[in-house]
Amino acid sequence: QEYSGSGDRTQQRRGRSFIVFKLSVLVSSTFLFFVTTTLVAFTLKETQDRMLNFTFHLQQSVRQGSPIGHLVATHVIEN
């Protein structure tokens, strides 16, 4: 009987260990999901802001009849 009781305790430990493992995988996956989505959102927002800024300056240059080569070169170098 002692052997059976010892086996039950081992089985319980394995069960708890498995649950802890599954929870750690879930927490890690959730963390990575939020970090990744935050970085993607930040990158897209920065890209959108830069493109809107470039479009605004390009529109001003075209309206004024200014050359746009410098503007395009600056945009390419900065981005």
N, C-alpha and C. Protein backbone atom coordinates (compact mmCIF):
# COMPACT_ATOMS: atom_id res chain seq x y z
N GLN A 1 0.80 -1.20 0.00
CA GLN A 1 0.00 0.00 0.00
C GLN A 1 0.85 1.27 0.00
N GLU A 2 1.98 1.23 0.67
CA GLU A 2 2.82 2.41 0.67
C GLU A 2 3.26 2.75 -0.75
N TYR A 3 3.54 1.72 -1.48
CA TYR A 3 3.97 1.93 -2.87
C TYR A 3 2.88 2.63 -3.67
N SER A 4 1.65 2.21 -3.48
CA SER A 4 0.52 2.82 -4.18
C SER A 4 0.36 4.28 -3.77
N GLY A 5 0.50 4.58 -2.47
CA GLY A 5 0.39 5.95 -1.99
C GLY A 5 1.50 6.82 -2.54
N SER A 6 2.70 6.27 -2.59
CA SER A 6 3.83 7.00 -3.15
C SER A 6 3.60 7.29 -4.63
N GLY A 7 3.03 6.33 -5.33
CA GLY A 7 2.72 6.51 -6.74
C GLY A 7 1.67 7.59 -6.95
N ASP A 8 0.69 7.64 -6.05
CA ASP A 8 -0.34 8.67 -6.14
C ASP A 8 0.26 10.06 -5.96
N ARG A 9 1.19 10.17 -4.98
CA ARG A 9 1.83 11.46 -4.76
C ARG A 9 2.67 11.87 -5.97
N THR A 10 3.35 10.94 -6.55
CA THR A 10 4.15 11.23 -7.75
C THR A 10 3.24 11.66 -8.89
N GLN A 11 2.13 10.97 -9.03
CA GLN A 11 1.16 11.31 -10.07
C GLN A 11 0.60 12.72 -9.85
N GLN A 12 0.34 13.07 -8.58
CA GLN A 12 -0.18 14.40 -8.27
C GLN A 12 0.86 15.47 -8.59
N ARG A 13 2.12 15.18 -8.26
CA ARG A 13 3.19 16.14 -8.57
C ARG A 13 3.30 16.35 -10.07
N ARG A 14 3.24 15.26 -10.82
CA ARG A 14 3.31 15.38 -12.28
C ARG A 14 2.14 16.18 -12.82
N GLY A 15 0.96 15.94 -12.24
CA GLY A 15 -0.23 16.68 -12.67
C GLY A 15 -0.08 18.17 -12.39
N ARG A 16 0.40 18.50 -11.18
CA ARG A 16 0.61 19.92 -10.84
C ARG A 16 1.68 20.54 -11.72
N SER A 17 2.73 19.78 -11.94
CA SER A 17 3.83 20.28 -12.79
C SER A 17 3.32 20.55 -14.20
N PHE A 18 2.48 19.67 -14.71
CA PHE A 18 1.93 19.85 -16.05
C PHE A 18 1.03 21.08 -16.11
N ILE A 19 0.23 21.30 -15.07
CA ILE A 19 -0.65 22.47 -15.03
C ILE A 19 0.17 23.75 -14.96
N VAL A 20 1.23 23.74 -14.13
CA VAL A 20 2.11 24.92 -14.03
C VAL A 20 2.76 25.18 -15.38
N PHE A 21 3.20 24.14 -16.06
CA PHE A 21 3.80 24.29 -17.38
C PHE A 21 2.81 24.91 -18.36
N LYS A 22 1.59 24.38 -18.37
CA LYS A 22 0.57 24.91 -19.30
C LYS A 22 0.26 26.38 -18.99
N LEU A 23 0.16 26.71 -17.71
CA LEU A 23 -0.09 28.12 -17.34
C LEU A 23 1.07 29.02 -17.74
N SER A 24 2.29 28.55 -17.59
CA SER A 24 3.44 29.37 -17.98
C SER A 24 3.47 29.57 -19.50
N VAL A 25 3.10 28.55 -20.24
CA VAL A 25 3.02 28.69 -21.70
C VAL A 25 1.94 29.70 -22.07
N LEU A 26 0.81 29.64 -21.40
CA LEU A 26 -0.28 30.58 -21.67
C LEU A 26 0.13 32.01 -21.35
N VAL A 27 0.78 32.22 -20.20
CA VAL A 27 1.22 33.57 -19.81
C VAL A 27 2.28 34.08 -20.79
N SER A 28 3.23 33.22 -21.15
CA SER A 28 4.27 33.63 -22.10
C SER A 28 3.68 33.98 -23.45
N SER A 29 2.75 33.17 -23.93
CA SER A 29 2.12 33.43 -25.23
C SER A 29 1.34 34.74 -25.20
N THR A 30 0.63 34.97 -24.11
CA THR A 30 -0.14 36.22 -23.98
C THR A 30 0.80 37.42 -23.97
N PHE A 31 1.88 37.33 -23.22
CA PHE A 31 2.86 38.41 -23.17
C PHE A 31 3.44 38.69 -24.55
N LEU A 32 3.86 37.64 -25.26
CA LEU A 32 4.43 37.82 -26.60
C LEU A 32 3.41 38.42 -27.56
N PHE A 33 2.15 38.00 -27.44
CA PHE A 33 1.09 38.55 -28.30
C PHE A 33 0.97 40.06 -28.09
N PHE A 34 0.90 40.49 -26.84
CA PHE A 34 0.73 41.92 -26.56
C PHE A 34 1.96 42.72 -26.95
N VAL A 35 3.15 42.19 -26.72
CA VAL A 35 4.37 42.90 -27.11
C VAL A 35 4.43 43.04 -28.63
N THR A 36 4.13 41.97 -29.34
CA THR A 36 4.17 42.00 -30.80
C THR A 36 3.14 42.96 -31.38
N THR A 37 1.92 42.90 -30.88
CA THR A 37 0.89 43.81 -31.41
C THR A 37 1.21 45.26 -31.10
N THR A 38 1.80 45.52 -29.94
CA THR A 38 2.19 46.89 -29.58
C THR A 38 3.28 47.40 -30.51
N LEU A 39 4.28 46.57 -30.78
CA LEU A 39 5.36 46.98 -31.68
C LEU A 39 4.85 47.20 -33.10
N VAL A 40 3.97 46.35 -33.57
CA VAL A 40 3.41 46.52 -34.91
C VAL A 40 2.59 47.80 -34.97
N ALA A 41 1.76 48.05 -33.97
CA ALA A 41 0.95 49.27 -33.95
C ALA A 41 1.84 50.51 -33.94
N PHE A 42 2.91 50.48 -33.14
CA PHE A 42 3.83 51.61 -33.08
C PHE A 42 4.49 51.84 -34.45
N THR A 43 4.95 50.76 -35.07
CA THR A 43 5.61 50.87 -36.38
C THR A 43 4.66 51.43 -37.43
N LEU A 44 3.43 50.94 -37.46
CA LEU A 44 2.46 51.44 -38.44
C LEU A 44 2.12 52.90 -38.19
N LYS A 45 1.98 53.29 -36.92
CA LYS A 45 1.68 54.70 -36.60
C LYS A 45 2.83 55.61 -37.03
N GLU A 46 4.06 55.21 -36.75
CA GLU A 46 5.22 56.00 -37.16
C GLU A 46 5.29 56.12 -38.68
N THR A 47 5.05 55.02 -39.38
CA THR A 47 5.07 55.04 -40.84
C THR A 47 3.99 55.96 -41.38
N GLN A 48 2.80 55.87 -40.81
CA GLN A 48 1.70 56.73 -41.26
C GLN A 48 2.03 58.20 -41.02
N ASP A 49 2.56 58.52 -39.85
CA ASP A 49 2.91 59.91 -39.55
C ASP A 49 3.96 60.44 -40.53
N ARG A 50 4.96 59.63 -40.82
CA ARG A 50 6.01 60.07 -41.75
C ARG A 50 5.47 60.24 -43.16
N MET A 51 4.61 59.34 -43.59
CA MET A 51 4.04 59.45 -44.94
C MET A 51 3.12 60.67 -45.05
N LEU A 52 2.33 60.94 -44.01
CA LEU A 52 1.47 62.13 -44.04
C LEU A 52 2.31 63.40 -44.07
N ASN A 53 3.38 63.43 -43.30
CA ASN A 53 4.27 64.58 -43.29
C ASN A 53 4.90 64.78 -44.67
N PHE A 54 5.37 63.68 -45.27
CA PHE A 54 5.97 63.76 -46.60
C PHE A 54 4.94 64.23 -47.63
N THR A 55 3.74 63.69 -47.56
CA THR A 55 2.69 64.08 -48.50
C THR A 55 2.35 65.56 -48.37
N PHE A 56 2.29 66.05 -47.14
CA PHE A 56 2.01 67.47 -46.91
C PHE A 56 3.10 68.34 -47.53
N HIS A 57 4.37 68.00 -47.28
CA HIS A 57 5.47 68.80 -47.83
C HIS A 57 5.55 68.67 -49.35
N LEU A 58 5.27 67.50 -49.87
CA LEU A 58 5.26 67.31 -51.32
C LEU A 58 4.17 68.16 -51.96
N GLN A 59 2.99 68.17 -51.35
CA GLN A 59 1.89 68.98 -51.88
C GLN A 59 2.26 70.46 -51.87
N GLN A 60 2.88 70.93 -50.82
CA GLN A 60 3.31 72.33 -50.75
C GLN A 60 4.34 72.64 -51.84
N SER A 61 5.29 71.73 -52.04
CA SER A 61 6.33 71.95 -53.05
C SER A 61 5.73 71.99 -54.45
N VAL A 62 4.80 71.11 -54.72
CA VAL A 62 4.18 71.07 -56.05
C VAL A 62 3.37 72.34 -56.28
N ARG A 63 2.62 72.79 -55.28
CA ARG A 63 1.83 74.01 -55.42
C ARG A 63 2.71 75.23 -55.66
N GLN A 64 3.87 75.28 -55.01
CA GLN A 64 4.76 76.42 -55.15
C GLN A 64 5.66 76.29 -56.37
N GLY A 65 5.63 75.15 -57.01
CA GLY A 65 6.48 74.93 -58.17
C GLY A 65 7.93 74.71 -57.82
N SER A 66 8.19 74.35 -56.57
CA SER A 66 9.56 74.11 -56.12
C SER A 66 10.04 72.74 -56.60
N PRO A 67 11.34 72.58 -56.77
CA PRO A 67 11.85 71.24 -57.11
C PRO A 67 11.64 70.28 -55.93
N ILE A 68 11.34 69.05 -56.25
CA ILE A 68 11.02 68.09 -55.19
C ILE A 68 12.15 67.08 -54.96
N GLY A 69 13.22 67.18 -55.71
CA GLY A 69 14.33 66.22 -55.58
C GLY A 69 14.91 66.19 -54.18
N HIS A 70 15.13 67.38 -53.62
CA HIS A 70 15.71 67.46 -52.27
C HIS A 70 14.75 66.84 -51.24
N LEU A 71 13.45 67.13 -51.41
CA LEU A 71 12.45 66.59 -50.49
C LEU A 71 12.42 65.07 -50.54
N VAL A 72 12.43 64.51 -51.75
CA VAL A 72 12.40 63.06 -51.91
C VAL A 72 13.69 62.44 -51.35
N ALA A 73 14.82 63.04 -51.65
CA ALA A 73 16.09 62.51 -51.15
C ALA A 73 16.12 62.54 -49.62
N THR A 74 15.67 63.62 -49.02
CA THR A 74 15.64 63.72 -47.57
C THR A 74 14.74 62.66 -46.97
N HIS A 75 13.57 62.45 -47.58
CA HIS A 75 12.63 61.44 -47.09
C HIS A 75 13.24 60.04 -47.17
N VAL A 76 13.88 59.74 -48.26
CA VAL A 76 14.49 58.41 -48.44
C VAL A 76 15.62 58.19 -47.44
N ILE A 77 16.45 59.22 -47.23
CA ILE A 77 17.57 59.09 -46.29
C ILE A 77 17.08 58.93 -44.86
N GLU A 78 16.07 59.68 -44.47
CA GLU A 78 15.57 59.62 -43.10
C GLU A 78 14.81 58.34 -42.80
N ASN A 79 14.25 57.75 -43.83
CA ASN A 79 13.42 56.56 -43.59
C ASN A 79 14.10 55.35 -44.17
